[in-house]
Amino acid sequence: MMCSVTLGQAARIPGINPADISALRIYLIARKATEGQGKMSHQYENTKDEIMQVIPFVPSHFVVPPTLETEEFCLRMLTVHDVVKDYDAVMSSVEHCQTIWGGKWPQGLTLEQNLIDLGWHQKEFQTRRSFTYTVVQPSEAMVLGCVYILPTRKPGYDAEVYLWARQSELAGGLEDRLYVAVQGWLALEWPFPSVAYPGRSVSWETWRSLPDERR
């Protein structure tokens, strides 16, 4: 079930966490600030028309994995403190990032807009609505990419996952190894029986042909 409410109405709903109201405010600010940026319109399509999602993405008892560590890279929550290194990774990989969701993002992205985006991702993670992980070197000297674990409206799936690796690392196969690692991680440690990886485990043509369900 989903409902459309204003911020004022949401604040008066019994049992609504104040942190959720804060998340809604950040969403509205971010949506306005990044209007026309392809990435945001796709990533937040589940909240584009509905301001609040009532059904939780993960069970309340589920402990969200803080990290995924390999000898080559580490995944951890993306936060506003990553803005400079994340921006460098994104803007050095513009052409490749545009293949992940389609649209123009991150063309024309500014550091300020990226900061707003990261603030939204961080709040979404904290309120357990979606989970975005930065991919960093074990030393944290460089951001290598990003992984997005998002709720989905597509029938037959419990989550949709997107990922990308820095464009300079593609020739060496980093993105392929990241994909394999994330697949195993989601299968073993997350509560999603069926996960879609659009453009990877399911073709874009098939994915886009699936109807959206209200949840």
N, C-alpha and C. Protein backbone atom coordinates (compact mmCIF):
# COMPACT_ATOMS: atom_id res chain seq x y z
N MET A 1 0.84 -1.19 0.00
CA MET A 1 0.00 0.00 0.00
C MET A 1 0.87 1.24 0.00
N MET A 2 0.47 2.22 -0.77
CA MET A 2 1.19 3.48 -0.80
C MET A 2 0.17 4.61 -0.69
N CYS A 3 0.59 5.75 -0.19
CA CYS A 3 -0.33 6.87 -0.06
C CYS A 3 0.37 8.15 -0.44
N SER A 4 -0.41 9.11 -0.93
CA SER A 4 0.12 10.41 -1.28
C SER A 4 -0.29 11.39 -0.21
N VAL A 5 0.68 12.02 0.45
CA VAL A 5 0.40 12.94 1.53
C VAL A 5 1.32 14.13 1.41
N THR A 6 0.92 15.22 2.05
CA THR A 6 1.80 16.37 2.16
C THR A 6 2.69 16.17 3.38
N LEU A 7 3.72 17.01 3.51
CA LEU A 7 4.58 16.92 4.68
C LEU A 7 3.78 17.16 5.96
N GLY A 8 2.88 18.15 5.93
CA GLY A 8 2.08 18.44 7.11
C GLY A 8 1.19 17.27 7.50
N GLN A 9 0.58 16.63 6.49
CA GLN A 9 -0.26 15.48 6.78
C GLN A 9 0.56 14.32 7.31
N ALA A 10 1.74 14.11 6.71
CA ALA A 10 2.60 13.01 7.14
C ALA A 10 3.01 13.18 8.59
N ALA A 11 3.28 14.40 9.00
CA ALA A 11 3.73 14.66 10.37
C ALA A 11 2.66 14.30 11.38
N ARG A 12 1.39 14.26 10.94
CA ARG A 12 0.29 13.97 11.87
C ARG A 12 -0.14 12.50 11.83
N ILE A 13 0.51 11.69 10.99
CA ILE A 13 0.16 10.27 10.92
C ILE A 13 0.71 9.56 12.15
N PRO A 14 -0.13 8.85 12.93
CA PRO A 14 0.36 8.15 14.12
C PRO A 14 1.44 7.14 13.76
N GLY A 15 2.53 7.14 14.54
CA GLY A 15 3.59 6.16 14.35
C GLY A 15 4.64 6.53 13.34
N ILE A 16 4.49 7.67 12.66
CA ILE A 16 5.48 8.09 11.69
C ILE A 16 6.72 8.61 12.40
N ASN A 17 7.87 8.08 12.04
CA ASN A 17 9.13 8.49 12.65
C ASN A 17 9.50 9.89 12.16
N PRO A 18 9.91 10.78 13.08
CA PRO A 18 10.34 12.11 12.64
C PRO A 18 11.45 12.07 11.60
N ALA A 19 12.29 11.02 11.65
CA ALA A 19 13.36 10.88 10.67
C ALA A 19 12.80 10.71 9.27
N ASP A 20 11.61 10.08 9.17
CA ASP A 20 10.99 9.90 7.87
C ASP A 20 10.56 11.25 7.29
N ILE A 21 10.06 12.14 8.15
CA ILE A 21 9.65 13.46 7.70
C ILE A 21 10.86 14.23 7.18
N SER A 22 11.97 14.08 7.89
CA SER A 22 13.21 14.72 7.44
C SER A 22 13.61 14.19 6.07
N ALA A 23 13.46 12.89 5.88
CA ALA A 23 13.81 12.28 4.59
C ALA A 23 12.94 12.84 3.48
N LEU A 24 11.65 13.07 3.78
CA LEU A 24 10.74 13.62 2.77
C LEU A 24 11.17 15.03 2.38
N ARG A 25 11.56 15.82 3.36
CA ARG A 25 12.00 17.19 3.05
C ARG A 25 13.22 17.16 2.14
N ILE A 26 14.18 16.27 2.47
CA ILE A 26 15.39 16.17 1.65
C ILE A 26 15.03 15.73 0.24
N TYR A 27 14.06 14.81 0.13
CA TYR A 27 13.64 14.35 -1.19
C TYR A 27 13.11 15.50 -2.04
N LEU A 28 12.23 16.31 -1.43
CA LEU A 28 11.63 17.40 -2.18
C LEU A 28 12.66 18.42 -2.61
N ILE A 29 13.62 18.71 -1.72
CA ILE A 29 14.70 19.65 -2.06
C ILE A 29 15.55 19.07 -3.19
N ALA A 30 15.91 17.80 -3.04
CA ALA A 30 16.77 17.17 -4.04
C ALA A 30 16.08 17.07 -5.39
N ARG A 31 14.79 16.75 -5.37
CA ARG A 31 14.05 16.62 -6.64
C ARG A 31 14.02 17.95 -7.38
N LYS A 32 13.80 19.03 -6.64
CA LYS A 32 13.75 20.34 -7.26
C LYS A 32 15.13 20.75 -7.78
N ALA A 33 16.16 20.49 -6.96
CA ALA A 33 17.51 20.93 -7.33
C ALA A 33 18.06 20.17 -8.52
N THR A 34 17.62 18.92 -8.71
CA THR A 34 18.17 18.09 -9.77
C THR A 34 17.15 17.85 -10.88
N GLU A 35 16.15 18.67 -10.96
CA GLU A 35 15.13 18.53 -12.00
C GLU A 35 15.78 18.52 -13.38
N GLY A 36 15.44 17.52 -14.16
CA GLY A 36 16.02 17.40 -15.49
C GLY A 36 17.24 16.51 -15.55
N GLN A 37 17.77 16.10 -14.36
CA GLN A 37 18.91 15.18 -14.33
C GLN A 37 18.37 13.76 -14.44
N GLY A 38 18.80 13.04 -15.47
CA GLY A 38 18.23 11.72 -15.74
C GLY A 38 18.31 10.75 -14.60
N LYS A 39 19.40 10.78 -13.84
CA LYS A 39 19.60 9.80 -12.78
C LYS A 39 18.54 9.90 -11.71
N MET A 40 18.26 11.11 -11.28
CA MET A 40 17.33 11.24 -10.18
C MET A 40 15.93 10.78 -10.56
N SER A 41 15.48 11.14 -11.77
CA SER A 41 14.14 10.77 -12.17
C SER A 41 13.98 9.26 -12.21
N HIS A 42 15.05 8.53 -12.51
CA HIS A 42 14.93 7.07 -12.54
C HIS A 42 15.10 6.48 -11.16
N GLN A 43 16.12 6.89 -10.44
CA GLN A 43 16.40 6.29 -9.15
C GLN A 43 15.24 6.43 -8.19
N TYR A 44 14.53 7.57 -8.27
CA TYR A 44 13.48 7.83 -7.32
C TYR A 44 12.10 7.70 -7.96
N GLU A 45 11.99 6.87 -8.99
CA GLU A 45 10.71 6.73 -9.66
C GLU A 45 9.67 6.12 -8.71
N ASN A 46 10.12 5.37 -7.70
CA ASN A 46 9.19 4.79 -6.75
C ASN A 46 8.58 5.84 -5.82
N THR A 47 9.16 7.05 -5.77
CA THR A 47 8.60 8.10 -4.93
C THR A 47 8.27 9.34 -5.75
N LYS A 48 8.29 9.23 -7.06
CA LYS A 48 8.04 10.37 -7.92
C LYS A 48 6.61 10.87 -7.76
N ASP A 49 5.65 9.96 -7.73
CA ASP A 49 4.25 10.35 -7.62
C ASP A 49 3.71 10.20 -6.20
N GLU A 50 4.29 9.30 -5.42
CA GLU A 50 3.87 9.10 -4.04
C GLU A 50 4.95 9.65 -3.12
N ILE A 51 4.58 10.50 -2.18
CA ILE A 51 5.55 11.12 -1.30
C ILE A 51 6.11 10.14 -0.29
N MET A 52 5.32 9.19 0.16
CA MET A 52 5.79 8.29 1.21
C MET A 52 5.45 6.85 0.89
N GLN A 53 6.38 5.95 1.14
CA GLN A 53 6.12 4.53 1.01
C GLN A 53 5.92 3.96 2.41
N VAL A 54 4.78 3.33 2.63
CA VAL A 54 4.44 2.86 3.97
C VAL A 54 5.06 1.50 4.25
N ILE A 55 4.98 0.58 3.31
CA ILE A 55 5.53 -0.75 3.51
C ILE A 55 7.05 -0.68 3.51
N PRO A 56 7.71 -1.22 4.54
CA PRO A 56 9.17 -1.13 4.61
C PRO A 56 9.84 -1.96 3.52
N PHE A 57 10.98 -1.48 3.08
CA PHE A 57 11.75 -2.17 2.04
C PHE A 57 12.36 -3.45 2.60
N VAL A 58 12.86 -3.39 3.83
CA VAL A 58 13.42 -4.57 4.51
C VAL A 58 12.73 -4.73 5.86
N PRO A 59 12.65 -5.96 6.39
CA PRO A 59 12.00 -6.18 7.69
C PRO A 59 12.68 -5.39 8.80
N SER A 60 11.92 -5.00 9.80
CA SER A 60 12.46 -4.20 10.90
C SER A 60 13.56 -4.91 11.67
N HIS A 61 13.52 -6.24 11.68
CA HIS A 61 14.53 -7.00 12.42
C HIS A 61 15.81 -7.24 11.62
N PHE A 62 15.79 -6.91 10.33
CA PHE A 62 16.95 -7.18 9.48
C PHE A 62 18.08 -6.21 9.79
N VAL A 63 19.27 -6.75 10.00
CA VAL A 63 20.46 -5.94 10.24
C VAL A 63 21.13 -5.68 8.90
N VAL A 64 21.11 -4.45 8.46
CA VAL A 64 21.68 -4.10 7.15
C VAL A 64 23.20 -4.28 7.19
N PRO A 65 23.75 -5.04 6.26
CA PRO A 65 25.21 -5.23 6.25
C PRO A 65 25.94 -3.90 6.08
N PRO A 66 26.84 -3.56 6.99
CA PRO A 66 27.54 -2.28 6.89
C PRO A 66 28.57 -2.24 5.77
N THR A 67 29.13 -3.41 5.44
CA THR A 67 30.20 -3.44 4.44
C THR A 67 30.18 -4.75 3.66
N LEU A 68 30.84 -4.71 2.53
CA LEU A 68 31.25 -5.90 1.79
C LEU A 68 32.72 -5.68 1.45
N GLU A 69 33.58 -6.57 1.92
CA GLU A 69 35.01 -6.36 1.75
C GLU A 69 35.63 -7.50 0.94
N THR A 70 36.44 -7.12 -0.02
CA THR A 70 37.26 -8.07 -0.76
C THR A 70 38.69 -7.54 -0.74
N GLU A 71 39.61 -8.29 -1.30
CA GLU A 71 41.00 -7.82 -1.36
C GLU A 71 41.14 -6.62 -2.30
N GLU A 72 40.19 -6.47 -3.21
CA GLU A 72 40.30 -5.44 -4.23
C GLU A 72 39.51 -4.18 -3.92
N PHE A 73 38.39 -4.34 -3.22
CA PHE A 73 37.53 -3.18 -2.95
C PHE A 73 36.69 -3.41 -1.71
N CYS A 74 36.10 -2.31 -1.24
CA CYS A 74 35.22 -2.36 -0.08
C CYS A 74 33.95 -1.56 -0.39
N LEU A 75 32.80 -2.10 0.01
CA LEU A 75 31.54 -1.38 -0.09
C LEU A 75 31.14 -0.92 1.30
N ARG A 76 30.72 0.33 1.42
CA ARG A 76 30.17 0.88 2.67
C ARG A 76 29.16 1.96 2.30
N MET A 77 28.39 2.40 3.29
CA MET A 77 27.36 3.40 3.03
C MET A 77 27.95 4.66 2.40
N LEU A 78 27.32 5.13 1.34
CA LEU A 78 27.70 6.39 0.71
C LEU A 78 27.18 7.53 1.58
N THR A 79 28.04 8.49 1.91
CA THR A 79 27.64 9.62 2.74
C THR A 79 28.11 10.93 2.11
N VAL A 80 27.67 12.04 2.70
CA VAL A 80 28.06 13.35 2.20
C VAL A 80 29.57 13.58 2.31
N HIS A 81 30.22 12.85 3.19
CA HIS A 81 31.67 13.01 3.36
C HIS A 81 32.45 12.47 2.16
N ASP A 82 31.76 11.72 1.29
CA ASP A 82 32.41 11.15 0.11
C ASP A 82 32.29 12.04 -1.11
N VAL A 83 31.74 13.24 -0.94
CA VAL A 83 31.32 14.02 -2.10
C VAL A 83 32.45 14.32 -3.08
N VAL A 84 33.64 14.66 -2.60
CA VAL A 84 34.72 15.04 -3.51
C VAL A 84 35.21 13.83 -4.31
N LYS A 85 35.48 12.73 -3.62
CA LYS A 85 35.98 11.54 -4.31
C LYS A 85 34.90 10.90 -5.18
N ASP A 86 33.66 10.95 -4.71
CA ASP A 86 32.56 10.42 -5.52
C ASP A 86 32.38 11.24 -6.79
N TYR A 87 32.45 12.56 -6.64
CA TYR A 87 32.29 13.45 -7.79
C TYR A 87 33.38 13.19 -8.82
N ASP A 88 34.59 12.97 -8.35
CA ASP A 88 35.70 12.67 -9.26
C ASP A 88 35.44 11.38 -10.02
N ALA A 89 34.95 10.35 -9.32
CA ALA A 89 34.67 9.07 -9.97
C ALA A 89 33.55 9.21 -11.00
N VAL A 90 32.50 9.94 -10.62
CA VAL A 90 31.35 10.12 -11.52
C VAL A 90 31.75 10.90 -12.77
N MET A 91 32.42 12.04 -12.57
CA MET A 91 32.70 12.91 -13.70
C MET A 91 33.82 12.39 -14.60
N SER A 92 34.59 11.44 -14.10
CA SER A 92 35.58 10.79 -14.96
C SER A 92 34.98 9.58 -15.67
N SER A 93 33.69 9.33 -15.43
CA SER A 93 33.02 8.16 -16.00
C SER A 93 31.66 8.51 -16.59
N VAL A 94 31.55 9.73 -17.12
CA VAL A 94 30.26 10.23 -17.60
C VAL A 94 29.66 9.31 -18.66
N GLU A 95 30.42 8.97 -19.68
CA GLU A 95 29.87 8.15 -20.77
C GLU A 95 29.41 6.79 -20.27
N HIS A 96 30.18 6.19 -19.38
CA HIS A 96 29.80 4.88 -18.87
C HIS A 96 28.57 4.97 -17.97
N CYS A 97 28.52 5.97 -17.10
CA CYS A 97 27.38 6.12 -16.19
C CYS A 97 26.08 6.32 -16.96
N GLN A 98 26.16 6.96 -18.11
CA GLN A 98 24.94 7.18 -18.89
C GLN A 98 24.37 5.88 -19.44
N THR A 99 25.16 4.82 -19.46
CA THR A 99 24.65 3.53 -19.92
C THR A 99 23.96 2.76 -18.81
N ILE A 100 24.13 3.19 -17.56
CA ILE A 100 23.57 2.44 -16.43
C ILE A 100 22.07 2.65 -16.30
N TRP A 101 21.59 3.89 -16.45
CA TRP A 101 20.16 4.18 -16.34
C TRP A 101 19.58 4.76 -17.63
N GLY A 102 20.44 5.23 -18.52
CA GLY A 102 19.94 5.98 -19.65
C GLY A 102 19.75 7.43 -19.23
N GLY A 103 19.43 8.30 -20.13
CA GLY A 103 19.27 9.71 -19.79
C GLY A 103 20.61 10.43 -19.84
N LYS A 104 20.60 11.68 -19.40
CA LYS A 104 21.78 12.53 -19.52
C LYS A 104 22.70 12.48 -18.31
N TRP A 105 22.20 12.06 -17.16
CA TRP A 105 23.05 12.04 -15.97
C TRP A 105 24.31 11.22 -16.20
N PRO A 106 25.47 11.72 -15.77
CA PRO A 106 25.73 12.90 -14.94
C PRO A 106 26.19 14.14 -15.73
N GLN A 107 25.84 14.23 -16.97
CA GLN A 107 26.23 15.39 -17.77
C GLN A 107 25.76 16.68 -17.09
N GLY A 108 26.67 17.63 -16.90
CA GLY A 108 26.33 18.90 -16.29
C GLY A 108 26.20 18.87 -14.78
N LEU A 109 26.48 17.73 -14.16
CA LEU A 109 26.37 17.61 -12.70
C LEU A 109 27.40 18.52 -12.03
N THR A 110 26.96 19.28 -11.03
CA THR A 110 27.88 20.13 -10.27
C THR A 110 28.21 19.46 -8.94
N LEU A 111 29.25 19.93 -8.30
CA LEU A 111 29.63 19.40 -6.99
C LEU A 111 28.50 19.62 -5.99
N GLU A 112 27.85 20.77 -6.06
CA GLU A 112 26.74 21.06 -5.14
C GLU A 112 25.58 20.10 -5.36
N GLN A 113 25.24 19.85 -6.62
CA GLN A 113 24.16 18.92 -6.90
C GLN A 113 24.52 17.51 -6.45
N ASN A 114 25.79 17.16 -6.59
CA ASN A 114 26.22 15.84 -6.15
C ASN A 114 26.11 15.72 -4.63
N LEU A 115 26.41 16.79 -3.92
CA LEU A 115 26.29 16.79 -2.47
C LEU A 115 24.84 16.56 -2.05
N ILE A 116 23.91 17.22 -2.73
CA ILE A 116 22.49 17.03 -2.45
C ILE A 116 22.10 15.57 -2.70
N ASP A 117 22.57 15.02 -3.80
CA ASP A 117 22.29 13.64 -4.15
C ASP A 117 22.80 12.69 -3.07
N LEU A 118 24.04 12.91 -2.61
CA LEU A 118 24.62 12.05 -1.58
C LEU A 118 23.87 12.18 -0.26
N GLY A 119 23.41 13.40 0.06
CA GLY A 119 22.63 13.58 1.27
C GLY A 119 21.34 12.78 1.23
N TRP A 120 20.72 12.76 0.05
CA TRP A 120 19.50 11.96 -0.11
C TRP A 120 19.81 10.47 0.05
N HIS A 121 20.86 10.00 -0.60
CA HIS A 121 21.22 8.59 -0.47
C HIS A 121 21.49 8.22 0.99
N GLN A 122 22.20 9.08 1.69
CA GLN A 122 22.53 8.81 3.09
C GLN A 122 21.27 8.73 3.95
N LYS A 123 20.36 9.65 3.76
CA LYS A 123 19.11 9.64 4.53
C LYS A 123 18.26 8.42 4.17
N GLU A 124 18.20 8.07 2.90
CA GLU A 124 17.49 6.87 2.49
C GLU A 124 18.04 5.63 3.17
N PHE A 125 19.35 5.55 3.25
CA PHE A 125 20.01 4.41 3.91
C PHE A 125 19.64 4.40 5.39
N GLN A 126 19.72 5.54 6.05
CA GLN A 126 19.45 5.63 7.48
C GLN A 126 18.00 5.29 7.81
N THR A 127 17.09 5.61 6.91
CA THR A 127 15.68 5.31 7.13
C THR A 127 15.26 4.00 6.46
N ARG A 128 16.22 3.26 5.92
CA ARG A 128 16.03 1.91 5.39
C ARG A 128 15.06 1.87 4.22
N ARG A 129 15.05 2.92 3.41
CA ARG A 129 14.19 2.98 2.23
C ARG A 129 14.90 2.52 0.96
N SER A 130 16.19 2.71 0.90
CA SER A 130 17.04 2.19 -0.17
C SER A 130 18.46 2.22 0.37
N PHE A 131 19.36 1.52 -0.32
CA PHE A 131 20.71 1.37 0.22
C PHE A 131 21.74 1.60 -0.89
N THR A 132 22.47 2.69 -0.76
CA THR A 132 23.50 3.02 -1.74
C THR A 132 24.87 2.89 -1.08
N TYR A 133 25.70 2.09 -1.70
CA TYR A 133 27.05 1.85 -1.19
C TYR A 133 28.08 2.43 -2.14
N THR A 134 29.04 3.13 -1.58
CA THR A 134 30.18 3.55 -2.38
C THR A 134 31.15 2.38 -2.46
N VAL A 135 31.84 2.28 -3.57
CA VAL A 135 32.85 1.24 -3.76
C VAL A 135 34.21 1.93 -3.72
N VAL A 136 35.02 1.59 -2.73
CA VAL A 136 36.29 2.27 -2.53
C VAL A 136 37.44 1.27 -2.51
N GLN A 137 38.63 1.78 -2.76
CA GLN A 137 39.81 0.96 -2.56
C GLN A 137 39.92 0.61 -1.08
N PRO A 138 40.54 -0.51 -0.72
CA PRO A 138 40.69 -0.85 0.70
C PRO A 138 41.35 0.27 1.51
N SER A 139 42.21 1.03 0.88
CA SER A 139 42.87 2.16 1.55
C SER A 139 41.98 3.40 1.61
N GLU A 140 40.85 3.37 0.89
CA GLU A 140 39.93 4.50 0.74
C GLU A 140 40.55 5.68 0.00
N ALA A 141 41.64 5.45 -0.70
CA ALA A 141 42.29 6.53 -1.43
C ALA A 141 41.47 6.98 -2.63
N MET A 142 40.66 6.07 -3.18
CA MET A 142 39.90 6.40 -4.40
C MET A 142 38.55 5.71 -4.38
N VAL A 143 37.54 6.42 -4.89
CA VAL A 143 36.23 5.81 -5.13
C VAL A 143 36.28 5.09 -6.46
N LEU A 144 35.87 3.84 -6.45
CA LEU A 144 35.94 2.99 -7.64
C LEU A 144 34.59 2.80 -8.32
N GLY A 145 33.51 3.18 -7.65
CA GLY A 145 32.20 2.99 -8.25
C GLY A 145 31.10 3.11 -7.22
N CYS A 146 29.94 2.53 -7.53
CA CYS A 146 28.78 2.67 -6.65
C CYS A 146 27.82 1.50 -6.88
N VAL A 147 27.08 1.13 -5.82
CA VAL A 147 26.07 0.08 -5.90
C VAL A 147 24.79 0.62 -5.28
N TYR A 148 23.66 0.44 -5.99
CA TYR A 148 22.37 0.96 -5.56
C TYR A 148 21.40 -0.20 -5.38
N ILE A 149 20.91 -0.40 -4.17
CA ILE A 149 19.94 -1.45 -3.87
C ILE A 149 18.61 -0.75 -3.61
N LEU A 150 17.67 -0.91 -4.53
CA LEU A 150 16.45 -0.10 -4.53
C LEU A 150 15.19 -0.95 -4.48
N PRO A 151 14.13 -0.41 -3.87
CA PRO A 151 12.83 -1.10 -3.96
C PRO A 151 12.34 -1.09 -5.40
N THR A 152 11.48 -2.01 -5.72
CA THR A 152 11.00 -2.11 -7.10
C THR A 152 9.49 -2.24 -7.14
N ARG A 153 8.91 -1.83 -8.26
CA ARG A 153 7.49 -2.02 -8.51
C ARG A 153 7.25 -3.15 -9.50
N LYS A 154 8.31 -3.73 -9.99
CA LYS A 154 8.15 -4.75 -11.03
C LYS A 154 7.67 -6.06 -10.42
N PRO A 155 6.66 -6.68 -11.02
CA PRO A 155 6.13 -7.95 -10.48
C PRO A 155 7.17 -9.06 -10.56
N GLY A 156 7.21 -9.87 -9.50
CA GLY A 156 8.12 -11.00 -9.47
C GLY A 156 9.48 -10.69 -8.90
N TYR A 157 9.72 -9.43 -8.52
CA TYR A 157 11.02 -9.04 -7.96
C TYR A 157 10.84 -8.33 -6.63
N ASP A 158 11.83 -8.50 -5.76
CA ASP A 158 11.81 -7.88 -4.44
C ASP A 158 12.72 -6.66 -4.35
N ALA A 159 13.64 -6.54 -5.28
CA ALA A 159 14.56 -5.40 -5.29
C ALA A 159 15.17 -5.29 -6.68
N GLU A 160 15.63 -4.09 -7.01
CA GLU A 160 16.38 -3.90 -8.24
C GLU A 160 17.72 -3.27 -7.89
N VAL A 161 18.76 -3.74 -8.53
CA VAL A 161 20.12 -3.34 -8.16
C VAL A 161 20.86 -2.84 -9.40
N TYR A 162 21.53 -1.71 -9.21
CA TYR A 162 22.35 -1.12 -10.26
C TYR A 162 23.76 -0.92 -9.71
N LEU A 163 24.72 -0.99 -10.58
CA LEU A 163 26.10 -0.76 -10.14
C LEU A 163 26.94 -0.28 -11.31
N TRP A 164 27.99 0.41 -10.97
CA TRP A 164 28.94 0.83 -11.99
C TRP A 164 30.33 0.95 -11.37
N ALA A 165 31.32 0.76 -12.21
CA ALA A 165 32.71 0.92 -11.80
C ALA A 165 33.31 2.08 -12.59
N ARG A 166 34.29 2.68 -12.02
CA ARG A 166 35.00 3.79 -12.65
C ARG A 166 35.42 3.42 -14.07
N GLN A 167 35.22 4.34 -14.99
CA GLN A 167 35.47 4.05 -16.40
C GLN A 167 36.89 3.59 -16.66
N SER A 168 37.84 4.13 -15.92
CA SER A 168 39.24 3.76 -16.12
C SER A 168 39.53 2.32 -15.69
N GLU A 169 38.59 1.71 -14.93
CA GLU A 169 38.80 0.36 -14.42
C GLU A 169 38.06 -0.70 -15.23
N LEU A 170 37.33 -0.28 -16.26
CA LEU A 170 36.52 -1.24 -17.01
C LEU A 170 37.36 -2.25 -17.78
N ALA A 171 38.41 -1.76 -18.41
CA ALA A 171 39.25 -2.65 -19.23
C ALA A 171 39.85 -3.78 -18.41
N GLY A 172 40.10 -3.51 -17.14
CA GLY A 172 40.67 -4.52 -16.26
C GLY A 172 39.65 -5.47 -15.66
N GLY A 173 38.37 -5.26 -15.98
CA GLY A 173 37.32 -6.18 -15.54
C GLY A 173 36.78 -5.93 -14.15
N LEU A 174 37.05 -4.75 -13.57
CA LEU A 174 36.59 -4.49 -12.21
C LEU A 174 35.07 -4.58 -12.09
N GLU A 175 34.35 -4.02 -13.05
CA GLU A 175 32.90 -4.02 -12.94
C GLU A 175 32.33 -5.44 -12.97
N ASP A 176 32.92 -6.30 -13.75
CA ASP A 176 32.47 -7.70 -13.80
C ASP A 176 32.68 -8.37 -12.45
N ARG A 177 33.84 -8.12 -11.83
CA ARG A 177 34.11 -8.73 -10.52
C ARG A 177 33.22 -8.13 -9.45
N LEU A 178 32.92 -6.84 -9.56
CA LEU A 178 32.01 -6.21 -8.62
C LEU A 178 30.62 -6.82 -8.74
N TYR A 179 30.17 -7.03 -9.93
CA TYR A 179 28.85 -7.62 -10.18
C TYR A 179 28.75 -9.01 -9.55
N VAL A 180 29.76 -9.83 -9.77
CA VAL A 180 29.76 -11.19 -9.21
C VAL A 180 29.74 -11.13 -7.68
N ALA A 181 30.55 -10.24 -7.10
CA ALA A 181 30.61 -10.12 -5.65
C ALA A 181 29.28 -9.66 -5.07
N VAL A 182 28.65 -8.69 -5.72
CA VAL A 182 27.38 -8.16 -5.23
C VAL A 182 26.27 -9.21 -5.36
N GLN A 183 26.26 -9.95 -6.45
CA GLN A 183 25.27 -11.01 -6.61
C GLN A 183 25.36 -12.02 -5.45
N GLY A 184 26.56 -12.46 -5.14
CA GLY A 184 26.74 -13.42 -4.05
C GLY A 184 26.34 -12.83 -2.70
N TRP A 185 26.69 -11.58 -2.49
CA TRP A 185 26.38 -10.88 -1.25
C TRP A 185 24.87 -10.75 -1.05
N LEU A 186 24.18 -10.32 -2.10
CA LEU A 186 22.72 -10.18 -2.02
C LEU A 186 22.06 -11.53 -1.76
N ALA A 187 22.57 -12.57 -2.39
CA ALA A 187 21.97 -13.89 -2.23
C ALA A 187 22.17 -14.45 -0.82
N LEU A 188 23.29 -14.15 -0.21
CA LEU A 188 23.62 -14.73 1.08
C LEU A 188 23.18 -13.89 2.28
N GLU A 189 23.23 -12.58 2.15
CA GLU A 189 23.06 -11.74 3.33
C GLU A 189 21.85 -10.80 3.32
N TRP A 190 21.10 -10.79 2.22
CA TRP A 190 19.95 -9.86 2.14
C TRP A 190 18.65 -10.64 2.04
N PRO A 191 17.53 -10.06 2.48
CA PRO A 191 16.26 -10.80 2.56
C PRO A 191 15.41 -10.71 1.29
N PHE A 192 16.07 -10.79 0.13
CA PHE A 192 15.35 -10.64 -1.14
C PHE A 192 15.42 -11.95 -1.93
N PRO A 193 14.32 -12.71 -1.99
CA PRO A 193 14.33 -13.96 -2.76
C PRO A 193 14.63 -13.74 -4.25
N SER A 194 14.15 -12.62 -4.80
CA SER A 194 14.31 -12.39 -6.24
C SER A 194 14.82 -10.96 -6.48
N VAL A 195 16.03 -10.87 -7.00
CA VAL A 195 16.66 -9.57 -7.25
C VAL A 195 16.88 -9.39 -8.74
N ALA A 196 16.51 -8.23 -9.24
CA ALA A 196 16.73 -7.91 -10.66
C ALA A 196 17.95 -7.00 -10.79
N TYR A 197 18.74 -7.28 -11.81
CA TYR A 197 19.86 -6.43 -12.18
C TYR A 197 19.59 -5.95 -13.60
N PRO A 198 18.79 -4.89 -13.74
CA PRO A 198 18.41 -4.43 -15.08
C PRO A 198 19.64 -4.12 -15.94
N GLY A 199 19.58 -4.61 -17.18
CA GLY A 199 20.70 -4.43 -18.09
C GLY A 199 21.76 -5.51 -17.93
N ARG A 200 21.56 -6.39 -16.93
CA ARG A 200 22.53 -7.46 -16.69
C ARG A 200 21.80 -8.81 -16.62
N SER A 201 21.11 -9.09 -15.50
CA SER A 201 20.40 -10.37 -15.38
C SER A 201 19.11 -10.37 -16.20
N VAL A 202 18.61 -9.20 -16.51
CA VAL A 202 17.42 -9.06 -17.34
C VAL A 202 17.67 -7.92 -18.33
N SER A 203 17.32 -8.14 -19.57
CA SER A 203 17.60 -7.13 -20.59
C SER A 203 16.77 -5.88 -20.36
N TRP A 204 17.27 -4.75 -20.84
CA TRP A 204 16.53 -3.50 -20.70
C TRP A 204 15.17 -3.59 -21.40
N GLU A 205 15.14 -4.25 -22.54
CA GLU A 205 13.88 -4.37 -23.27
C GLU A 205 12.84 -5.10 -22.44
N THR A 206 13.25 -6.22 -21.83
CA THR A 206 12.34 -6.99 -20.99
C THR A 206 11.94 -6.21 -19.76
N TRP A 207 12.91 -5.58 -19.13
CA TRP A 207 12.66 -4.83 -17.89
C TRP A 207 11.66 -3.70 -18.11
N ARG A 208 11.86 -2.96 -19.17
CA ARG A 208 10.99 -1.82 -19.43
C ARG A 208 9.60 -2.24 -19.88
N SER A 209 9.46 -3.48 -20.34
CA SER A 209 8.15 -3.95 -20.77
C SER A 209 7.31 -4.45 -19.60
N LEU A 210 7.93 -4.68 -18.44
CA LEU A 210 7.19 -5.15 -17.28
C LEU A 210 6.34 -4.02 -16.71
N PRO A 211 5.11 -4.30 -16.34
CA PRO A 211 4.25 -3.25 -15.77
C PRO A 211 4.71 -2.88 -14.36
N ASP A 212 4.39 -1.68 -13.95
CA ASP A 212 4.66 -1.24 -12.58
C ASP A 212 3.46 -1.56 -11.71
N GLU A 213 3.72 -2.07 -10.51
CA GLU A 213 2.65 -2.36 -9.56
C GLU A 213 2.68 -1.35 -8.44
N ARG A 214 1.52 -0.98 -7.92
CA ARG A 214 1.45 -0.12 -6.73
C ARG A 214 1.64 -0.99 -5.51
N ARG A 215 2.55 -0.56 -4.59
CA ARG A 215 2.83 -1.35 -3.40
C ARG A 215 2.71 -0.52 -2.15
